[in-house]
Amino acid sequence: MVHYGHSNQLRQAKAMGDYLIVGVHTDSEIAKHKGPPVFTQAERYKMVRAIKWVDEVVEGAPYVTTLGTLDKYNCDFCVHGVADTSSVSCASDYQQHTDNFGKKGHSPWTGVSQFLQTSQKIIQFASGQEPQPGDTIIYVAGAFDLFHIGHVDFLEAVHKLAEKPYIIVGLHFDQEVNRYKGKNYPIMNVHERTLSVLACRYVSEVVIGAPFAVTKDLLDHFKVDLVCHGKTEIYPDKDGSDPYAEPRRKGILRTVDSGNSLTTDAIVQRIIKNRLLFEARNQKKEAKEIAVIQAMKRKEEEKTKERAQAVL
């Protein structure tokens, strides 16, 4: 899956240079080394392109990055997250080449679930840009749970509605999403969903915990020119009323067809279908990640001891 952790890693990688090229593997390569991917390679190519820190995507990139790969795309160095490549037959080649030539960067805490939301993290993800004169301010709202290619296609379609769009996404609180979606939704909490949406290049601003009904106060506060909704079902408010009654009355509500029928429910069904394969993959992956983290800790402890001995 492509999630906010990947986006954060790409944000960190972009901060190390000027132009970020991201290599995305094929389905067969991922299945070989990790297990069945949730998104198809075509979906992942487009999703990575939609992340605002990405300048270029290499489709079907080799699983092992060598100096030849870096030279082919004129890259000065390679950045990767916390990952174990010991299962890859030519991992030692990657390690040797990148270490010897100083072309490897390490971005910690991207592959391990250590999510703690902070205002600083939101600032790092946010564009920080205010609407400019001539911008068309467009408001969309929803759960945007398990941010996927259907969301990307919708936001891209909305983005094309104006010459200078300024898209504000209203994210509903978890309790609100559970009220109208039921079951165990949302899968991701509002903080995780916020970062996923902020990472999208089509989004200018996010309203965290937006009201379910698009009210006159909301429209006036953000000076909204247009309100958009996809072709999915519009759930009624708690009292049974239409949450889009006000923009509908003002004549600024537009239904946007993204051309993509993928939903969060469909993503969940994909995961359930491959449940046993995912469980086996994740157990193996978890063991590797724990081993890597423990090795990092031991290495740091050794350095601490060496520094202490040097002082004595």
C-alpha atoms as a PDB file:
ATOM      1  CA  MET A   1       0.000   0.000   0.000  1.00  0.00           C
ATOM      2  CA  VAL A   2       0.955   3.624  -0.463  1.00  0.00           C
ATOM      3  CA  HIS A   3       0.360   5.429   2.845  1.00  0.00           C
ATOM      4  CA  TYR A   4       1.418   8.484   4.840  1.00  0.00           C
ATOM      5  CA  GLY A   5       4.539   6.673   6.061  1.00  0.00           C
ATOM      6  CA  HIS A   6       5.755   6.429   2.480  1.00  0.00           C
ATOM      7  CA  SER A   7       4.855  10.068   1.936  1.00  0.00           C
ATOM      8  CA  ASN A   8       6.868  11.065   4.988  1.00  0.00           C
ATOM      9  CA  GLN A   9       9.862   9.113   3.748  1.00  0.00           C
ATOM     10  CA  LEU A  10       9.612  10.855   0.368  1.00  0.00           C
ATOM     11  CA  ARG A  11       9.299  14.230   2.096  1.00  0.00           C
ATOM     12  CA  GLN A  12      12.487  13.512   4.035  1.00  0.00           C
ATOM     13  CA  ALA A  13      14.227  12.296   0.893  1.00  0.00           C
ATOM     14  CA  LYS A  14      13.265  15.421  -1.059  1.00  0.00           C
ATOM     15  CA  ALA A  15      14.712  17.585   1.727  1.00  0.00           C
ATOM     16  CA  MET A  16      18.106  15.994   1.084  1.00  0.00           C
ATOM     17  CA  GLY A  17      18.291  17.214  -2.498  1.00  0.00           C
ATOM     18  CA  ASP A  18      16.628  19.206  -5.256  1.00  0.00           C
ATOM     19  CA  TYR A  19      14.985  16.640  -7.535  1.00  0.00           C
ATOM     20  CA  LEU A  20      13.377  13.432  -6.299  1.00  0.00           C
ATOM     21  CA  ILE A  21      13.127  10.346  -8.505  1.00  0.00           C
ATOM     22  CA  VAL A  22      11.150   7.443  -7.067  1.00  0.00           C
ATOM     23  CA  GLY A  23      11.514   3.913  -8.375  1.00  0.00           C
ATOM     24  CA  VAL A  24       8.350   1.819  -8.112  1.00  0.00           C
ATOM     25  CA  HIS A  25       8.549  -1.961  -8.450  1.00  0.00           C
ATOM     26  CA  THR A  26       6.306  -4.192 -10.539  1.00  0.00           C
ATOM     27  CA  ASP A  27       3.683  -6.464  -9.011  1.00  0.00           C
ATOM     28  CA  SER A  28       5.788  -9.543  -9.744  1.00  0.00           C
ATOM     29  CA  GLU A  29       8.855  -8.108  -7.988  1.00  0.00           C
ATOM     30  CA  ILE A  30       6.856  -7.198  -4.889  1.00  0.00           C
ATOM     31  CA  ALA A  31       5.128 -10.586  -4.816  1.00  0.00           C
ATOM     32  CA  LYS A  32       8.514 -12.274  -5.055  1.00  0.00           C
ATOM     33  CA  HIS A  33      10.147 -10.375  -2.197  1.00  0.00           C
ATOM     34  CA  LYS A  34       7.269  -9.278   0.061  1.00  0.00           C
ATOM     35  CA  GLY A  35       3.956 -10.818  -0.905  1.00  0.00           C
ATOM     36  CA  PRO A  36       0.904  -9.777  -2.944  1.00  0.00           C
ATOM     37  CA  PRO A  37       0.567  -5.980  -3.242  1.00  0.00           C
ATOM     38  CA  VAL A  38      -2.732  -4.346  -2.303  1.00  0.00           C
ATOM     39  CA  PHE A  39      -2.574  -1.896  -5.205  1.00  0.00           C
ATOM     40  CA  THR A  40      -1.676  -2.861  -8.766  1.00  0.00           C
ATOM     41  CA  GLN A  41       1.512  -1.463 -10.255  1.00  0.00           C
ATOM     42  CA  ALA A  42      -0.458   0.952 -12.441  1.00  0.00           C
ATOM     43  CA  GLU A  43      -2.300   2.220  -9.367  1.00  0.00           C
ATOM     44  CA  ARG A  44       0.941   2.608  -7.434  1.00  0.00           C
ATOM     45  CA  TYR A  45       2.658   4.464 -10.273  1.00  0.00           C
ATOM     46  CA  LYS A  46      -0.104   7.056 -10.311  1.00  0.00           C
ATOM     47  CA  MET A  47      -0.400   7.276  -6.524  1.00  0.00           C
ATOM     48  CA  VAL A  48       3.317   7.960  -6.114  1.00  0.00           C
ATOM     49  CA  ARG A  49       3.169  10.609  -8.859  1.00  0.00           C
ATOM     50  CA  ALA A  50       0.389  12.294  -6.900  1.00  0.00           C
ATOM     51  CA  ILE A  51       2.631  12.768  -3.843  1.00  0.00           C
ATOM     52  CA  LYS A  52       3.710  16.392  -3.934  1.00  0.00           C
ATOM     53  CA  TRP A  53       7.397  15.864  -3.179  1.00  0.00           C
ATOM     54  CA  VAL A  54       7.902  13.502  -6.124  1.00  0.00           C
ATOM     55  CA  ASP A  55       9.390  14.946  -9.313  1.00  0.00           C
ATOM     56  CA  GLU A  56       9.685  11.787 -11.383  1.00  0.00           C
ATOM     57  CA  VAL A  57       8.669   8.122 -11.200  1.00  0.00           C
ATOM     58  CA  VAL A  58      10.614   5.215 -12.689  1.00  0.00           C
ATOM     59  CA  GLU A  59       8.117   2.499 -13.520  1.00  0.00           C
ATOM     60  CA  GLY A  60       9.218  -1.090 -13.062  1.00  0.00           C
ATOM     61  CA  ALA A  61      12.349  -0.113 -11.134  1.00  0.00           C
ATOM     62  CA  PRO A  62      14.670  -2.997 -10.187  1.00  0.00           C
ATOM     63  CA  TYR A  63      14.200  -4.291  -6.653  1.00  0.00           C
ATOM     64  CA  VAL A  64      17.900  -3.861  -5.943  1.00  0.00           C
ATOM     65  CA  THR A  65      19.348  -0.404  -6.493  1.00  0.00           C
ATOM     66  CA  THR A  66      22.916  -0.469  -7.810  1.00  0.00           C
ATOM     67  CA  LEU A  67      25.347   2.207  -8.919  1.00  0.00           C
ATOM     68  CA  GLY A  68      24.285   1.437 -12.467  1.00  0.00           C
ATOM     69  CA  THR A  69      20.698   2.328 -11.581  1.00  0.00           C
ATOM     70  CA  LEU A  70      21.764   5.606  -9.979  1.00  0.00           C
ATOM     71  CA  ASP A  71      23.982   6.514 -12.945  1.00  0.00           C
ATOM     72  CA  LYS A  72      21.247   5.663 -15.449  1.00  0.00           C
ATOM     73  CA  TYR A  73      18.954   8.278 -13.913  1.00  0.00           C
ATOM     74  CA  ASN A  74      21.721  10.782 -13.042  1.00  0.00           C
ATOM     75  CA  CYS A  75      21.172  10.404  -9.296  1.00  0.00           C
ATOM     76  CA  ASP A  76      23.759  11.675  -6.822  1.00  0.00           C
ATOM     77  CA  PHE A  77      22.671   9.375  -4.005  1.00  0.00           C
ATOM     78  CA  CYS A  78      20.030   6.895  -2.874  1.00  0.00           C
ATOM     79  CA  VAL A  79      17.728   7.214   0.149  1.00  0.00           C
ATOM     80  CA  HIS A  80      15.889   4.310   1.728  1.00  0.00           C
ATOM     81  CA  GLY A  81      13.885   3.629   4.860  1.00  0.00           C
ATOM     82  CA  VAL A  82      14.406   1.082   7.626  1.00  0.00           C
ATOM     83  CA  ALA A  83      14.304  -2.151   5.667  1.00  0.00           C
ATOM     84  CA  ASP A  84      16.097  -5.453   5.607  1.00  0.00           C
ATOM     85  CA  THR A  85      17.417  -6.540   2.201  1.00  0.00           C
ATOM     86  CA  SER A  86      19.176  -9.658   3.389  1.00  0.00           C
ATOM     87  CA  SER A  87      16.739 -11.867   1.485  1.00  0.00           C
ATOM     88  CA  VAL A  88      17.739 -10.290  -1.818  1.00  0.00           C
ATOM     89  CA  SER A  89      20.386 -12.320  -3.617  1.00  0.00           C
ATOM     90  CA  CYS A  90      22.464  -9.327  -4.628  1.00  0.00           C
ATOM     91  CA  ALA A  91      21.888  -7.258  -1.495  1.00  0.00           C
ATOM     92  CA  SER A  92      25.595  -7.373  -0.699  1.00  0.00           C
ATOM     93  CA  ASP A  93      26.276  -5.800  -4.081  1.00  0.00           C
ATOM     94  CA  TYR A  94      23.896  -2.961  -3.219  1.00  0.00           C
ATOM     95  CA  GLN A  95      25.423  -2.555   0.233  1.00  0.00           C
ATOM     96  CA  GLN A  96      28.994  -2.585  -1.070  1.00  0.00           C
ATOM     97  CA  HIS A  97      28.426  -0.175  -3.923  1.00  0.00           C
ATOM     98  CA  THR A  98      26.331   2.336  -2.032  1.00  0.00           C
ATOM     99  CA  ASP A  99      28.487   2.282   1.107  1.00  0.00           C
ATOM    100  CA  ASN A 100      31.780   2.581  -0.704  1.00  0.00           C
ATOM    101  CA  PHE A 101      30.689   5.447  -2.889  1.00  0.00           C
ATOM    102  CA  GLY A 102      28.732   7.327  -0.240  1.00  0.00           C
ATOM    103  CA  LYS A 103      25.559   7.173  -2.275  1.00  0.00           C
ATOM    104  CA  LYS A 104      23.209   5.901   0.402  1.00  0.00           C
ATOM    105  CA  GLY A 105      21.002   7.908   2.740  1.00  0.00           C
ATOM    106  CA  HIS A 106      18.981   6.458   5.588  1.00  0.00           C
ATOM    107  CA  SER A 107      15.573   7.779   6.596  1.00  0.00           C
ATOM    108  CA  PRO A 108      14.626   6.319  10.025  1.00  0.00           C
ATOM    109  CA  TRP A 109      11.185   5.590  11.450  1.00  0.00           C
ATOM    110  CA  THR A 110       9.381   5.175   8.138  1.00  0.00           C
ATOM    111  CA  GLY A 111       8.802   1.443   8.017  1.00  0.00           C
ATOM    112  CA  VAL A 112       7.886   1.036  11.685  1.00  0.00           C
ATOM    113  CA  SER A 113       4.527   2.080  13.122  1.00  0.00           C
ATOM    114  CA  GLN A 114       5.520   4.778  15.614  1.00  0.00           C
ATOM    115  CA  PHE A 115       2.757   7.289  14.825  1.00  0.00           C
ATOM    116  CA  LEU A 116       2.598  10.277  17.162  1.00  0.00           C
ATOM    117  CA  GLN A 117       0.815  13.258  15.672  1.00  0.00           C
ATOM    118  CA  THR A 118       2.355  16.664  16.316  1.00  0.00           C
ATOM    119  CA  SER A 119       1.677  20.165  15.048  1.00  0.00           C
ATOM    120  CA  GLN A 120       5.177  20.165  13.563  1.00  0.00           C
ATOM    121  CA  LYS A 121       4.391  17.082  11.491  1.00  0.00           C
ATOM    122  CA  ILE A 122       1.269  18.739  10.104  1.00  0.00           C
ATOM    123  CA  ILE A 123       3.305  21.849   9.252  1.00  0.00           C
ATOM    124  CA  GLN A 124       5.874  19.707   7.449  1.00  0.00           C
ATOM    125  CA  PHE A 125       3.149  18.146   5.303  1.00  0.00           C
ATOM    126  CA  ALA A 126       1.086  21.296   4.726  1.00  0.00           C
ATOM    127  CA  SER A 127       1.672  23.608   1.777  1.00  0.00           C
ATOM    128  CA  GLY A 128       1.389  26.725   3.934  1.00  0.00           C
ATOM    129  CA  GLN A 129      -0.012  28.673   0.999  1.00  0.00           C
ATOM    130  CA  GLU A 130      -2.989  30.973   1.348  1.00  0.00           C
ATOM    131  CA  PRO A 131      -5.480  31.416  -1.510  1.00  0.00           C
ATOM    132  CA  GLN A 132      -4.282  33.996  -4.017  1.00  0.00           C
ATOM    133  CA  PRO A 133      -6.336  36.522  -6.016  1.00  0.00           C
ATOM    134  CA  GLY A 134      -7.881  34.730  -8.960  1.00  0.00           C
ATOM    135  CA  ASP A 135      -7.888  31.312  -7.266  1.00  0.00           C
ATOM    136  CA  THR A 136     -11.050  29.239  -7.441  1.00  0.00           C
ATOM    137  CA  ILE A 137     -11.653  27.911  -3.944  1.00  0.00           C
ATOM    138  CA  ILE A 138     -13.109  24.419  -4.123  1.00  0.00           C
ATOM    139  CA  TYR A 139     -14.369  22.485  -1.104  1.00  0.00           C
ATOM    140  CA  VAL A 140     -14.715  18.693  -0.913  1.00  0.00           C
ATOM    141  CA  ALA A 141     -15.454  16.606   2.175  1.00  0.00           C
ATOM    142  CA  GLY A 142     -15.348  12.994   3.267  1.00  0.00           C
ATOM    143  CA  ALA A 143     -13.476  10.303   5.179  1.00  0.00           C
ATOM    144  CA  PHE A 144     -10.683   9.694   2.647  1.00  0.00           C
ATOM    145  CA  ASP A 145      -9.943   6.497   4.529  1.00  0.00           C
ATOM    146  CA  LEU A 146      -7.091   4.231   3.318  1.00  0.00           C
ATOM    147  CA  PHE A 147      -6.221   6.962   0.825  1.00  0.00           C
ATOM    148  CA  HIS A 148      -6.221   5.234  -2.564  1.00  0.00           C
ATOM    149  CA  ILE A 149      -6.191   5.756  -6.323  1.00  0.00           C
ATOM    150  CA  GLY A 150      -9.941   6.442  -6.357  1.00  0.00           C
ATOM    151  CA  HIS A 151      -9.356   9.438  -4.088  1.00  0.00           C
ATOM    152  CA  VAL A 152      -6.443  10.574  -6.253  1.00  0.00           C
ATOM    153  CA  ASP A 153      -8.497  10.377  -9.450  1.00  0.00           C
ATOM    154  CA  PHE A 154     -11.332  12.312  -7.810  1.00  0.00           C
ATOM    155  CA  LEU A 155      -9.051  15.089  -6.529  1.00  0.00           C
ATOM    156  CA  GLU A 156      -7.292  15.259  -9.889  1.00  0.00           C
ATOM    157  CA  ALA A 157     -10.653  15.622 -11.659  1.00  0.00           C
ATOM    158  CA  VAL A 158     -11.663  18.390  -9.226  1.00  0.00           C
ATOM    159  CA  HIS A 159      -8.305  20.087  -9.768  1.00  0.00           C
ATOM    160  CA  LYS A 160      -9.017  20.261 -13.511  1.00  0.00           C
ATOM    161  CA  LEU A 161     -12.248  22.196 -12.987  1.00  0.00           C
ATOM    162  CA  ALA A 162     -10.465  25.543 -12.643  1.00  0.00           C
ATOM    163  CA  GLU A 163      -7.438  27.268 -14.088  1.00  0.00           C
ATOM    164  CA  LYS A 164      -6.141  28.164 -10.619  1.00  0.00           C
ATOM    165  CA  PRO A 165      -7.783  25.732  -8.172  1.00  0.00           C
ATOM    166  CA  TYR A 166      -7.324  25.941  -4.420  1.00  0.00           C
ATOM    167  CA  ILE A 167      -8.749  22.708  -3.058  1.00  0.00           C
ATOM    168  CA  ILE A 168      -9.807  22.466   0.586  1.00  0.00           C
ATOM    169  CA  VAL A 169     -10.548  18.977   1.890  1.00  0.00           C
ATOM    170  CA  GLY A 170     -12.849  18.654   4.881  1.00  0.00           C
ATOM    171  CA  LEU A 171     -12.000  15.524   6.874  1.00  0.00           C
ATOM    172  CA  HIS A 172     -14.661  14.158   9.203  1.00  0.00           C
ATOM    173  CA  PHE A 173     -13.766  13.028  12.712  1.00  0.00           C
ATOM    174  CA  ASP A 174     -13.572   9.290  13.372  1.00  0.00           C
ATOM    175  CA  GLN A 175     -16.867   9.193  15.287  1.00  0.00           C
ATOM    176  CA  GLU A 176     -18.665  10.887  12.411  1.00  0.00           C
ATOM    177  CA  VAL A 177     -17.208   8.489   9.845  1.00  0.00           C
ATOM    178  CA  ASN A 178     -18.253   5.520  11.970  1.00  0.00           C
ATOM    179  CA  ARG A 179     -21.772   6.947  12.243  1.00  0.00           C
ATOM    180  CA  TYR A 180     -22.400   6.903   8.504  1.00  0.00           C
ATOM    181  CA  LYS A 181     -20.039   4.104   7.430  1.00  0.00           C
ATOM    182  CA  GLY A 182     -20.550   1.740  10.374  1.00  0.00           C
ATOM    183  CA  LYS A 183     -18.621  -1.527  10.883  1.00  0.00           C
ATOM    184  CA  ASN A 184     -15.030  -0.816  11.922  1.00  0.00           C
ATOM    185  CA  TYR A 185     -14.627   2.348   9.864  1.00  0.00           C
ATOM    186  CA  PRO A 186     -12.573   4.406   9.664  1.00  0.00           C
ATOM    187  CA  ILE A 187      -9.584   2.085   9.338  1.00  0.00           C
ATOM    188  CA  MET A 188      -7.165   4.993   9.779  1.00  0.00           C
ATOM    189  CA  ASN A 189      -7.693   7.659  12.430  1.00  0.00           C
ATOM    190  CA  VAL A 190      -8.209  11.304  11.567  1.00  0.00           C
ATOM    191  CA  HIS A 191      -4.547  12.185  12.187  1.00  0.00           C
ATOM    192  CA  GLU A 192      -3.325   9.521   9.778  1.00  0.00           C
ATOM    193  CA  ARG A 193      -5.939  10.500   7.204  1.00  0.00           C
ATOM    194  CA  THR A 194      -4.891  14.144   7.525  1.00  0.00           C
ATOM    195  CA  LEU A 195      -1.280  13.418   6.539  1.00  0.00           C
ATOM    196  CA  SER A 196      -2.335  11.143   3.682  1.00  0.00           C
ATOM    197  CA  VAL A 197      -4.501  13.876   2.178  1.00  0.00           C
ATOM    198  CA  LEU A 198      -2.004  16.692   2.819  1.00  0.00           C
ATOM    199  CA  ALA A 199       0.641  14.728   0.910  1.00  0.00           C
ATOM    200  CA  CYS A 200      -1.464  14.835  -2.262  1.00  0.00           C
ATOM    201  CA  ARG A 201      -0.259  17.450  -4.752  1.00  0.00           C
ATOM    202  CA  TYR A 202      -3.828  18.445  -5.665  1.00  0.00           C
ATOM    203  CA  VAL A 203      -4.724  19.487  -2.111  1.00  0.00           C
ATOM    204  CA  SER A 204      -4.051  22.994  -0.784  1.00  0.00           C
ATOM    205  CA  GLU A 205      -5.590  22.812   2.687  1.00  0.00           C
ATOM    206  CA  VAL A 206      -7.294  20.370   5.056  1.00  0.00           C
ATOM    207  CA  VAL A 207     -10.018  21.107   7.602  1.00  0.00           C
ATOM    208  CA  ILE A 208      -9.458  18.572  10.398  1.00  0.00           C
ATOM    209  CA  GLY A 209     -12.751  17.482  11.900  1.00  0.00           C
ATOM    210  CA  ALA A 210     -14.923  19.327   9.387  1.00  0.00           C
ATOM    211  CA  PRO A 211     -18.650  19.528  10.117  1.00  0.00           C
ATOM    212  CA  PHE A 212     -20.669  16.871   8.310  1.00  0.00           C
ATOM    213  CA  ALA A 213     -23.068  19.433   6.876  1.00  0.00           C
ATOM    214  CA  VAL A 214     -21.563  21.999   4.516  1.00  0.00           C
ATOM    215  CA  THR A 215     -22.979  25.056   6.218  1.00  0.00           C
ATOM    216  CA  LYS A 216     -23.298  28.704   5.217  1.00  0.00           C
ATOM    217  CA  ASP A 217     -20.746  29.613   7.911  1.00  0.00           C
ATOM    218  CA  LEU A 218     -18.211  27.188   6.442  1.00  0.00           C
ATOM    219  CA  LEU A 219     -18.746  28.449   2.901  1.00  0.00           C
ATOM    220  CA  ASP A 220     -18.464  32.083   3.981  1.00  0.00           C
ATOM    221  CA  HIS A 221     -15.427  31.468   6.213  1.00  0.00           C
ATOM    222  CA  PHE A 222     -13.379  29.873   3.442  1.00  0.00           C
ATOM    223  CA  LYS A 223     -14.954  31.989   0.667  1.00  0.00           C
ATOM    224  CA  VAL A 224     -15.822  28.807  -1.222  1.00  0.00           C
ATOM    225  CA  ASP A 225     -16.645  29.192  -4.923  1.00  0.00           C
ATOM    226  CA  LEU A 226     -17.501  25.570  -5.638  1.00  0.00           C
ATOM    227  CA  VAL A 227     -18.404  22.449  -3.636  1.00  0.00           C
ATOM    228  CA  CYS A 228     -17.739  19.073  -5.235  1.00  0.00           C
ATOM    229  CA  HIS A 229     -18.830  15.529  -4.444  1.00  0.00           C
ATOM    230  CA  GLY A 230     -18.096  12.270  -6.212  1.00  0.00           C
ATOM    231  CA  LYS A 231     -20.659   9.854  -7.611  1.00  0.00           C
ATOM    232  CA  THR A 232     -20.683   7.840  -4.386  1.00  0.00           C
ATOM    233  CA  GLU A 233     -23.711   7.837  -2.089  1.00  0.00           C
ATOM    234  CA  ILE A 234     -24.428  11.021  -0.106  1.00  0.00           C
ATOM    235  CA  TYR A 235     -25.211   9.960   3.459  1.00  0.00           C
ATOM    236  CA  PRO A 236     -27.845  11.993   5.354  1.00  0.00           C
ATOM    237  CA  ASP A 237     -27.018  13.989   8.460  1.00  0.00           C
ATOM    238  CA  LYS A 238     -28.039  12.802  11.940  1.00  0.00           C
ATOM    239  CA  ASP A 239     -31.468  14.418  11.572  1.00  0.00           C
ATOM    240  CA  GLY A 240     -31.975  12.960   8.100  1.00  0.00           C
ATOM    241  CA  SER A 241     -31.272  16.233   6.301  1.00  0.00           C
ATOM    242  CA  ASP A 242     -29.140  16.713   3.183  1.00  0.00           C
ATOM    243  CA  PRO A 243     -25.601  17.767   4.233  1.00  0.00           C
ATOM    244  CA  TYR A 244     -25.205  19.555   0.901  1.00  0.00           C
ATOM    245  CA  ALA A 245     -28.455  21.509   1.122  1.00  0.00           C
ATOM    246  CA  GLU A 246     -26.745  24.922   1.407  1.00  0.00           C
ATOM    247  CA  PRO A 247     -24.325  24.637  -1.550  1.00  0.00           C
ATOM    248  CA  ARG A 248     -27.173  23.044  -3.521  1.00  0.00           C
ATOM    249  CA  ARG A 249     -29.379  26.050  -2.710  1.00  0.00           C
ATOM    250  CA  LYS A 250     -26.622  28.444  -3.777  1.00  0.00           C
ATOM    251  CA  GLY A 251     -26.105  26.571  -7.030  1.00  0.00           C
ATOM    252  CA  ILE A 252     -22.429  25.832  -6.367  1.00  0.00           C
ATOM    253  CA  LEU A 253     -22.655  22.059  -5.866  1.00  0.00           C
ATOM    254  CA  ARG A 254     -21.175  19.906  -8.594  1.00  0.00           C
ATOM    255  CA  THR A 255     -21.046  16.128  -8.960  1.00  0.00           C
ATOM    256  CA  VAL A 256     -17.671  15.025 -10.309  1.00  0.00           C
ATOM    257  CA  ASP A 257     -17.141  11.755 -12.122  1.00  0.00           C
ATOM    258  CA  SER A 258     -13.554  10.659 -11.581  1.00  0.00           C
ATOM    259  CA  GLY A 259     -13.927   7.682 -13.884  1.00  0.00           C
ATOM    260  CA  ASN A 260     -12.758   5.425 -11.057  1.00  0.00           C
ATOM    261  CA  SER A 261     -15.193   3.294  -9.069  1.00  0.00           C
ATOM    262  CA  LEU A 262     -12.651   2.042  -6.529  1.00  0.00           C
ATOM    263  CA  THR A 263     -13.738   2.507  -2.918  1.00  0.00           C
ATOM    264  CA  THR A 264     -12.263   1.912   0.531  1.00  0.00           C
ATOM    265  CA  ASP A 265     -14.615  -1.085   0.874  1.00  0.00           C
ATOM    266  CA  ALA A 266     -13.060  -2.601  -2.257  1.00  0.00           C
ATOM    267  CA  ILE A 267      -9.554  -2.116  -0.815  1.00  0.00           C
ATOM    268  CA  VAL A 268     -10.609  -3.882   2.376  1.00  0.00           C
ATOM    269  CA  GLN A 269     -11.999  -6.760   0.303  1.00  0.00           C
ATOM    270  CA  ARG A 270      -8.671  -7.072  -1.517  1.00  0.00           C
ATOM    271  CA  ILE A 271      -6.895  -7.380   1.826  1.00  0.00           C
ATOM    272  CA  ILE A 272      -9.387  -9.939   3.165  1.00  0.00           C
ATOM    273  CA  LYS A 273      -9.073 -12.003  -0.021  1.00  0.00           C
ATOM    274  CA  ASN A 274      -5.327 -12.335   0.512  1.00  0.00           C
ATOM    275  CA  ARG A 275      -5.528 -12.474   4.304  1.00  0.00           C
ATOM    276  CA  LEU A 276      -3.463 -15.617   4.843  1.00  0.00           C
ATOM    277  CA  LEU A 277      -0.794 -14.491   2.410  1.00  0.00           C
ATOM    278  CA  PHE A 278      -0.643 -11.073   4.109  1.00  0.00           C
ATOM    279  CA  GLU A 279      -0.392 -12.652   7.569  1.00  0.00           C
ATOM    280  CA  ALA A 280       2.509 -14.862   6.520  1.00  0.00           C
ATOM    281  CA  ARG A 281       4.217 -11.932   4.816  1.00  0.00           C
ATOM    282  CA  ASN A 282       3.748  -9.575   7.750  1.00  0.00           C
ATOM    283  CA  GLN A 283       5.033 -12.082  10.311  1.00  0.00           C
ATOM    284  CA  LYS A 284       8.175 -12.571   8.257  1.00  0.00           C
ATOM    285  CA  LYS A 285       8.538  -8.835   7.655  1.00  0.00           C
ATOM    286  CA  GLU A 286       7.969  -8.006  11.341  1.00  0.00           C
ATOM    287  CA  ALA A 287      10.692 -10.427  12.406  1.00  0.00           C
ATOM    288  CA  LYS A 288      13.124  -8.843   9.962  1.00  0.00           C
ATOM    289  CA  GLU A 289      12.273  -5.307  11.073  1.00  0.00           C
ATOM    290  CA  ILE A 290      12.703  -6.226  14.743  1.00  0.00           C
ATOM    291  CA  ALA A 291      16.092  -7.747  13.927  1.00  0.00           C
ATOM    292  CA  VAL A 292      17.136  -4.596  12.080  1.00  0.00           C
ATOM    293  CA  ILE A 293      16.029  -2.317  14.931  1.00  0.00           C
ATOM    294  CA  GLN A 294      17.808  -4.469  17.505  1.00  0.00           C
ATOM    295  CA  ALA A 295      20.973  -4.418  15.402  1.00  0.00           C
ATOM    296  CA  MET A 296      20.762  -0.613  15.195  1.00  0.00           C
ATOM    297  CA  LYS A 297      20.352  -0.384  18.967  1.00  0.00           C
ATOM    298  CA  ARG A 298      23.317  -2.686  19.575  1.00  0.00           C
ATOM    299  CA  LYS A 299      25.436  -0.647  17.198  1.00  0.00           C
ATOM    300  CA  GLU A 300      24.490   2.563  18.999  1.00  0.00           C
ATOM    301  CA  GLU A 301      25.230   0.984  22.395  1.00  0.00           C
ATOM    302  CA  GLU A 302      28.654  -0.097  21.170  1.00  0.00           C
ATOM    303  CA  LYS A 303      29.391   3.437  19.982  1.00  0.00           C
ATOM    304  CA  THR A 304      28.303   4.803  23.366  1.00  0.00           C
ATOM    305  CA  LYS A 305      30.637   2.384  25.164  1.00  0.00           C
ATOM    306  CA  GLU A 306      33.516   3.290  22.860  1.00  0.00           C
ATOM    307  CA  ARG A 307      32.995   7.009  23.517  1.00  0.00           C
ATOM    308  CA  ALA A 308      32.857   6.355  27.275  1.00  0.00           C
ATOM    309  CA  GLN A 309      36.087   4.338  27.178  1.00  0.00           C
ATOM    310  CA  ALA A 310      37.777   7.045  25.125  1.00  0.00           C
ATOM    311  CA  VAL A 311      36.907   9.611  27.811  1.00  0.00           C
ATOM    312  CA  LEU A 312      38.350   7.373  30.546  1.00  0.00           C
END
